[in-house]
Amino acid sequence: MHAHKYKNLFLRQSYLDSYMEYEKSLLQASYPLWDYVVLTASNESQARMYKEQIEYRLQADKLSSRTHYAVLPDPDGKRVGSGGATFNALKCIRELSNEPFKGKKILIIHSGGDSKRIPQYSACGKLFSPIPRQLPDGRRSTLFDEIIIGITGVPARMEDGMLVMSGDVLLLFNPLQIDFYSKGAAALSIKEDVHTGKNHGVYLCDNNGNVGKFLHKQSVEILFSLGAVDARENVDIDTGAVIFSSNMIEDLYGLINTDEKFNLFVNENVRLSFYADFLYPLASESTLEQFYKETPEGDYSEGLKYCRRALWGVIPKEEEVTFDELLSQIGGGF
């Protein structure tokens, strides 16, 4: 039997297992769940639509009432970037709980895009756009439903912390592949051939097996020359899913724990990017000088430079704090 067929069987069984776990999560009071699920939205109109969709599922017992759901549009109608939206989510959770992040399991789904390529879904966003599939319970599925079902088992595989995902990526994997109990961060990557990888972000590991560099849409030749390609001509593709430990979340929150500091980091001029501004400092071979030069979500500015310097300062550089890769050894799928 070919490896591709084995992978398809593995992913099919993984989905069936995830759906079974999803059903358990709705019925068993002791099932490990997310404490908070936060959806980001681009504006108030989109946020209202998201809230209606969440409320409908809660009323129909398709989501657990033990999880607190929040939908957050960008503050004051200003586009603040995915990094600014992440800070806004942390601020919301701290205000709701008034407690440290230790012991909490948080899911953030970034879903504040404008759906420019599919404008018919701009109101409901890609996250709640229908997909041509029926769920086992007979419902018409959406990306949101598939994401929630697929990661049902993840909270049981982590002590605490925050999983950040993109709302326009359908990622299928077996949660048993995840085991996150570190005080750093971990990226969820998948193995794909180098010709696919040239169109995506690719993680390059250092000598310790941690993430050394991020390579974004590099040519096949460059990926080979940098050592990102393994013996099977596969690379580790960035899925957009990253886990942060509670210690790291607390440090990040410390940057915005007053209104004055929050306004410095969360505004339309700085427009922090979660992927460019939060993840780049985590890679072991990153440098502050290069960090300043990384392509921003908005424009280069002194405000952005200040924020990047502050972010660089709170990202731990000690050897025991790692930025690992998960999933890459067994594989997942888009």
Protein backbone atom coordinates (compact mmCIF):
# COMPACT_ATOMS: atom_id res chain seq x y z
CA MET A 1 0.00 0.00 0.00
CA HIS A 2 1.41 3.41 -0.96
CA ALA A 3 2.31 5.99 1.69
CA HIS A 4 -0.29 8.39 0.26
CA LYS A 5 -3.04 5.83 0.83
CA TYR A 6 -1.84 5.22 4.40
CA LYS A 7 -1.96 8.97 5.03
CA ASN A 8 -5.50 9.23 3.69
CA LEU A 9 -6.63 6.35 5.90
CA PHE A 10 -4.91 7.94 8.90
CA LEU A 11 -6.58 11.30 8.30
CA ARG A 12 -9.99 9.71 7.73
CA GLN A 13 -9.74 7.79 10.99
CA SER A 14 -8.44 10.91 12.74
CA TYR A 15 -11.55 12.80 11.66
CA LEU A 16 -13.88 10.03 12.84
CA ASP A 17 -12.05 9.97 16.17
CA SER A 18 -12.30 13.75 16.47
CA TYR A 19 -16.03 13.70 15.83
CA MET A 20 -16.48 11.03 18.48
CA GLU A 21 -14.51 13.20 20.93
CA TYR A 22 -16.61 16.20 19.94
CA GLU A 23 -19.80 14.32 20.83
CA LYS A 24 -18.27 13.30 24.18
CA SER A 25 -17.37 16.92 24.91
CA LEU A 26 -21.05 17.86 24.65
CA LEU A 27 -22.23 15.09 26.95
CA GLN A 28 -19.55 14.52 29.59
CA ALA A 29 -19.26 17.15 32.32
CA SER A 30 -15.66 16.19 33.06
CA TYR A 31 -14.41 16.35 29.47
CA PRO A 32 -11.41 18.77 29.14
CA LEU A 33 -12.55 21.85 27.23
CA TRP A 34 -11.29 25.25 26.19
CA ASP A 35 -11.93 27.79 28.94
CA TYR A 36 -12.16 30.61 26.40
CA VAL A 37 -12.74 30.63 22.65
CA VAL A 38 -12.23 34.04 21.04
CA LEU A 39 -13.12 34.85 17.44
CA THR A 40 -11.71 38.04 15.96
CA ALA A 41 -13.81 40.01 13.47
CA SER A 42 -13.04 42.88 11.12
CA ASN A 43 -15.95 45.10 12.18
CA GLU A 44 -19.11 45.30 14.29
CA SER A 45 -21.33 43.97 11.51
CA GLN A 46 -19.22 40.87 11.03
CA ALA A 47 -18.97 40.43 14.81
CA ARG A 48 -22.78 40.45 15.13
CA MET A 49 -23.03 37.74 12.50
CA TYR A 50 -20.41 35.64 14.33
CA LYS A 51 -22.25 36.07 17.62
CA GLU A 52 -25.51 34.93 16.04
CA GLN A 53 -23.81 31.83 14.68
CA ILE A 54 -22.26 31.02 18.06
CA GLU A 55 -25.54 31.60 19.91
CA TYR A 56 -27.40 29.36 17.47
CA ARG A 57 -24.96 26.51 18.14
CA LEU A 58 -25.11 27.03 21.90
CA GLN A 59 -28.92 26.96 21.86
CA ALA A 60 -28.85 23.79 19.74
CA ASP A 61 -26.36 22.14 22.15
CA LYS A 62 -23.72 21.94 19.42
CA LEU A 63 -21.25 23.87 21.58
CA SER A 64 -20.57 23.37 25.27
CA SER A 65 -21.90 26.03 27.64
CA ARG A 66 -18.89 25.34 29.90
CA THR A 67 -16.71 27.28 27.46
CA HIS A 68 -16.88 31.09 27.39
CA TYR A 69 -17.20 32.35 23.81
CA ALA A 70 -16.31 35.90 22.84
CA VAL A 71 -16.35 37.70 19.49
CA LEU A 72 -14.13 40.78 19.21
CA PRO A 73 -14.16 43.26 16.33
CA ASP A 74 -11.11 45.46 15.87
CA PRO A 75 -11.34 48.29 18.46
CA ASP A 76 -13.09 51.50 17.38
CA GLY A 77 -13.55 50.18 13.85
CA LYS A 78 -9.83 50.55 13.12
CA ARG A 79 -7.85 47.73 11.48
CA VAL A 80 -5.22 46.83 14.07
CA GLY A 81 -3.67 43.73 12.48
CA SER A 82 -3.71 40.13 13.65
CA GLY A 83 -1.17 40.95 16.36
CA GLY A 84 -3.28 43.82 17.64
CA ALA A 85 -6.32 41.53 17.58
CA THR A 86 -4.37 38.99 19.65
CA PHE A 87 -3.56 41.62 22.27
CA ASN A 88 -7.22 42.69 22.25
CA ALA A 89 -8.23 39.07 22.93
CA LEU A 90 -5.81 38.78 25.87
CA LYS A 91 -7.16 42.04 27.31
CA CYS A 92 -10.72 40.74 27.01
CA ILE A 93 -9.93 37.45 28.74
CA ARG A 94 -8.12 39.18 31.61
CA GLU A 95 -11.06 41.54 32.11
CA LEU A 96 -13.53 38.64 32.09
CA SER A 97 -11.60 36.46 34.53
CA ASN A 98 -9.57 39.02 36.51
CA GLU A 99 -7.09 36.18 37.09
CA PRO A 100 -3.65 35.17 35.76
CA PHE A 101 -3.53 33.03 32.62
CA LYS A 102 -1.98 30.11 34.50
CA GLY A 103 -4.22 27.05 34.26
CA LYS A 104 -6.38 28.47 31.47
CA LYS A 105 -6.78 26.90 28.04
CA ILE A 106 -7.49 29.48 25.37
CA LEU A 107 -8.33 29.20 21.69
CA ILE A 108 -8.09 32.25 19.42
CA ILE A 109 -9.33 31.97 15.84
CA HIS A 110 -8.29 34.91 13.69
CA SER A 111 -11.21 35.48 11.37
CA GLY A 112 -11.23 39.21 10.72
CA GLY A 113 -10.55 39.08 6.99
CA ASP A 114 -12.61 40.94 4.41
CA SER A 115 -13.18 37.90 2.13
CA LYS A 116 -12.25 40.01 -0.90
CA ARG A 117 -11.89 36.96 -3.13
CA ILE A 118 -15.32 35.65 -2.08
CA PRO A 119 -17.26 38.89 -1.41
CA GLN A 120 -20.56 37.03 -1.06
CA TYR A 121 -19.25 35.85 2.33
CA SER A 122 -17.86 39.20 3.51
CA ALA A 123 -20.64 39.57 6.11
CA CYS A 124 -20.36 36.10 7.62
CA GLY A 125 -16.64 35.81 6.86
CA LYS A 126 -14.84 32.75 5.57
CA LEU A 127 -15.17 31.17 9.00
CA PHE A 128 -18.92 30.61 8.72
CA SER A 129 -19.12 30.18 4.98
CA PRO A 130 -20.66 26.82 4.04
CA ILE A 131 -18.53 24.02 2.70
CA PRO A 132 -19.89 21.21 0.48
CA ARG A 133 -20.08 18.65 3.23
CA GLN A 134 -22.67 17.33 5.64
CA LEU A 135 -21.71 16.62 9.24
CA PRO A 136 -22.53 13.19 10.71
CA ASP A 137 -25.45 14.77 12.61
CA GLY A 138 -26.98 16.03 9.35
CA ARG A 139 -25.98 19.69 9.59
CA ARG A 140 -24.46 21.59 6.68
CA SER A 141 -20.87 22.16 7.72
CA THR A 142 -18.79 25.35 7.88
CA LEU A 143 -15.09 25.97 8.44
CA PHE A 144 -15.89 26.89 12.04
CA ASP A 145 -17.62 23.57 12.71
CA GLU A 146 -14.78 21.60 11.14
CA ILE A 147 -12.15 23.50 13.14
CA ILE A 148 -13.98 23.06 16.45
CA ILE A 149 -14.54 19.34 15.82
CA GLY A 150 -10.98 18.76 14.65
CA ILE A 151 -9.35 20.29 17.74
CA THR A 152 -11.77 18.97 20.36
CA GLY A 153 -9.07 16.73 21.80
CA VAL A 154 -6.35 19.40 22.00
CA PRO A 155 -7.16 20.81 25.50
CA ALA A 156 -6.49 17.37 26.98
CA ARG A 157 -3.01 17.43 25.40
CA MET A 158 -1.85 20.70 27.00
CA GLU A 159 -1.43 21.84 30.59
CA ASP A 160 -2.54 25.37 29.82
CA GLY A 161 -1.81 28.08 27.29
CA MET A 162 -3.17 29.54 24.10
CA LEU A 163 -3.67 28.01 20.66
CA VAL A 164 -3.88 30.59 17.88
CA MET A 165 -5.29 29.50 14.52
CA SER A 166 -6.25 31.06 11.22
CA GLY A 167 -9.96 31.01 10.45
CA ASP A 168 -9.46 30.38 6.74
CA VAL A 169 -7.39 27.19 7.03
CA LEU A 170 -8.98 23.78 7.43
CA LEU A 171 -6.39 21.70 9.26
CA LEU A 172 -6.91 17.99 9.91
CA PHE A 173 -4.69 16.05 12.31
CA ASN A 174 -4.89 13.66 15.23
CA PRO A 175 -4.71 15.52 18.59
CA LEU A 176 -2.73 12.59 19.99
CA GLN A 177 0.16 13.97 17.93
CA ILE A 178 0.23 16.98 20.28
CA ASP A 179 1.83 16.92 23.71
CA PHE A 180 2.44 20.48 24.92
CA TYR A 181 3.69 20.93 28.47
CA SER A 182 6.59 23.31 27.88
CA LYS A 183 7.02 26.95 28.89
CA GLY A 184 7.75 28.18 25.42
CA ALA A 185 5.82 27.88 22.21
CA ALA A 186 5.15 25.25 19.58
CA ALA A 187 4.25 25.47 15.91
CA LEU A 188 1.99 22.96 14.22
CA SER A 189 3.64 22.10 10.91
CA ILE A 190 2.97 19.41 8.34
CA LYS A 191 5.22 17.60 5.90
CA GLU A 192 4.64 18.39 2.23
CA ASP A 193 6.80 18.12 -0.87
CA VAL A 194 9.16 20.99 -1.57
CA HIS A 195 7.26 22.06 -4.71
CA THR A 196 4.18 22.65 -2.55
CA GLY A 197 6.30 24.25 0.16
CA LYS A 198 7.65 26.96 -2.12
CA ASN A 199 4.19 28.54 -2.07
CA HIS A 200 3.94 28.58 1.73
CA GLY A 201 5.82 29.51 4.86
CA VAL A 202 8.38 26.87 5.84
CA TYR A 203 10.02 26.20 9.20
CA LEU A 204 13.74 25.45 9.25
CA CYS A 205 14.93 23.60 12.34
CA ASP A 206 18.15 24.38 14.18
CA ASN A 207 20.62 21.80 15.50
CA ASN A 208 18.50 21.26 18.62
CA GLY A 209 15.36 20.43 16.67
CA ASN A 210 13.69 23.75 17.47
CA VAL A 211 12.56 26.34 14.94
CA GLY A 212 15.61 28.24 13.73
CA LYS A 213 14.17 30.29 10.88
CA PHE A 214 10.97 31.15 9.05
CA LEU A 215 11.24 30.92 5.28
CA HIS A 216 8.35 32.58 3.45
CA LYS A 217 7.56 31.53 -0.14
CA GLN A 218 11.16 30.74 -1.05
CA SER A 219 12.17 29.03 -4.28
CA VAL A 220 12.84 25.30 -4.44
CA GLU A 221 16.53 26.06 -4.96
CA ILE A 222 16.76 28.25 -1.87
CA LEU A 223 14.89 25.71 0.28
CA PHE A 224 17.40 23.05 -0.77
CA SER A 225 20.42 25.32 -0.24
CA LEU A 226 19.30 26.26 3.29
CA GLY A 227 18.79 22.64 4.34
CA ALA A 228 15.02 22.89 4.74
CA VAL A 229 14.38 19.83 2.55
CA ASP A 230 14.60 16.33 4.04
CA ALA A 231 15.69 13.07 2.39
CA ARG A 232 12.19 12.56 0.96
CA GLU A 233 12.21 16.07 -0.50
CA ASN A 234 9.63 17.26 2.01
CA VAL A 235 9.58 20.50 4.00
CA ASP A 236 7.81 21.55 7.21
CA ILE A 237 4.97 23.84 6.17
CA ASP A 238 3.59 26.47 8.53
CA THR A 239 -0.12 25.77 9.13
CA GLY A 240 -0.77 29.07 10.91
CA ALA A 241 -1.44 27.23 14.18
CA VAL A 242 0.80 28.07 17.16
CA ILE A 243 0.60 27.26 20.87
CA PHE A 244 1.92 29.61 23.58
CA SER A 245 2.50 28.62 27.19
CA SER A 246 0.71 30.52 29.95
CA ASN A 247 4.04 32.03 31.07
CA MET A 248 4.57 33.52 27.64
CA ILE A 249 0.99 34.81 27.48
CA GLU A 250 1.48 36.53 30.85
CA ASP A 251 4.64 38.22 29.58
CA LEU A 252 2.87 39.39 26.43
CA TYR A 253 -0.07 40.70 28.44
CA GLY A 254 2.38 42.70 30.55
CA LEU A 255 3.07 44.83 27.49
CA ILE A 256 -0.55 46.04 27.30
CA ASN A 257 -1.81 45.83 30.90
CA THR A 258 -2.75 49.52 31.09
CA ASP A 259 -4.88 51.57 28.70
CA GLU A 260 -1.90 53.72 27.79
CA LYS A 261 0.29 50.72 26.90
CA PHE A 262 -2.59 48.98 25.10
CA ASN A 263 -3.06 52.00 22.84
CA LEU A 264 0.64 51.97 21.92
CA PHE A 265 0.45 48.40 20.64
CA VAL A 266 -3.11 48.20 19.33
CA ASN A 267 -3.79 50.86 16.72
CA GLU A 268 -4.18 51.26 12.96
CA ASN A 269 -0.76 52.87 12.51
CA VAL A 270 1.31 50.07 14.04
CA ARG A 271 -0.96 47.20 12.83
CA LEU A 272 1.02 44.42 14.46
CA SER A 273 1.00 41.08 12.67
CA PHE A 274 0.72 37.95 14.78
CA TYR A 275 2.86 35.99 12.33
CA ALA A 276 5.52 38.62 11.54
CA ASP A 277 5.73 40.33 14.93
CA PHE A 278 4.93 37.61 17.48
CA LEU A 279 6.52 34.58 15.84
CA TYR A 280 9.72 35.95 14.30
CA PRO A 281 11.41 36.63 17.69
CA LEU A 282 10.72 33.04 18.76
CA ALA A 283 13.01 31.48 16.16
CA SER A 284 16.42 30.69 17.61
CA GLU A 285 18.40 32.26 14.75
CA SER A 286 16.41 35.50 14.62
CA THR A 287 18.17 38.80 15.22
CA LEU A 288 16.79 42.13 16.42
CA GLU A 289 18.37 43.91 13.45
CA GLN A 290 16.53 41.69 10.98
CA PHE A 291 13.34 41.88 13.05
CA TYR A 292 13.21 45.63 12.44
CA LYS A 293 13.36 44.93 8.68
CA GLU A 294 10.66 42.25 8.53
CA THR A 295 7.78 43.21 6.23
CA PRO A 296 5.01 44.72 8.38
CA GLU A 297 1.26 44.27 8.01
CA GLY A 298 0.95 48.03 7.57
CA ASP A 299 3.78 50.54 7.11
CA TYR A 300 7.18 50.94 8.74
CA SER A 301 7.09 53.54 11.51
CA GLU A 302 8.80 54.54 14.73
CA GLY A 303 5.78 53.19 16.58
CA LEU A 304 6.23 49.79 14.96
CA LYS A 305 9.94 49.82 15.80
CA TYR A 306 9.13 50.57 19.45
CA CYS A 307 6.63 47.69 19.58
CA ARG A 308 9.05 45.26 17.95
CA ARG A 309 11.79 46.20 20.41
CA ALA A 310 9.38 45.59 23.31
CA LEU A 311 8.19 42.27 21.87
CA TRP A 312 11.80 41.17 21.39
CA GLY A 313 12.45 41.96 25.05
CA VAL A 314 9.68 39.75 26.44
CA ILE A 315 10.31 36.72 24.22
CA PRO A 316 12.52 34.45 26.38
CA LYS A 317 15.88 33.47 24.90
CA GLU A 318 16.93 30.96 27.54
CA GLU A 319 17.78 27.47 26.29
CA GLU A 320 15.00 25.83 28.28
CA VAL A 321 12.37 27.93 26.51
CA THR A 322 11.84 26.33 23.13
CA PHE A 323 9.90 26.90 19.94
CA ASP A 324 9.15 23.34 18.89
CA GLU A 325 7.42 21.82 15.92
CA LEU A 326 4.48 19.49 16.37
CA LEU A 327 2.78 17.19 13.85
CA SER A 328 5.71 17.20 11.44
CA GLN A 329 6.85 13.69 12.28
CA ILE A 330 3.53 11.99 11.52
CA GLY A 331 1.77 14.49 9.37
CA GLY A 332 -1.51 16.22 9.04
CA GLY A 333 -3.36 17.67 6.11
CA PHE A 334 -5.02 20.78 4.77
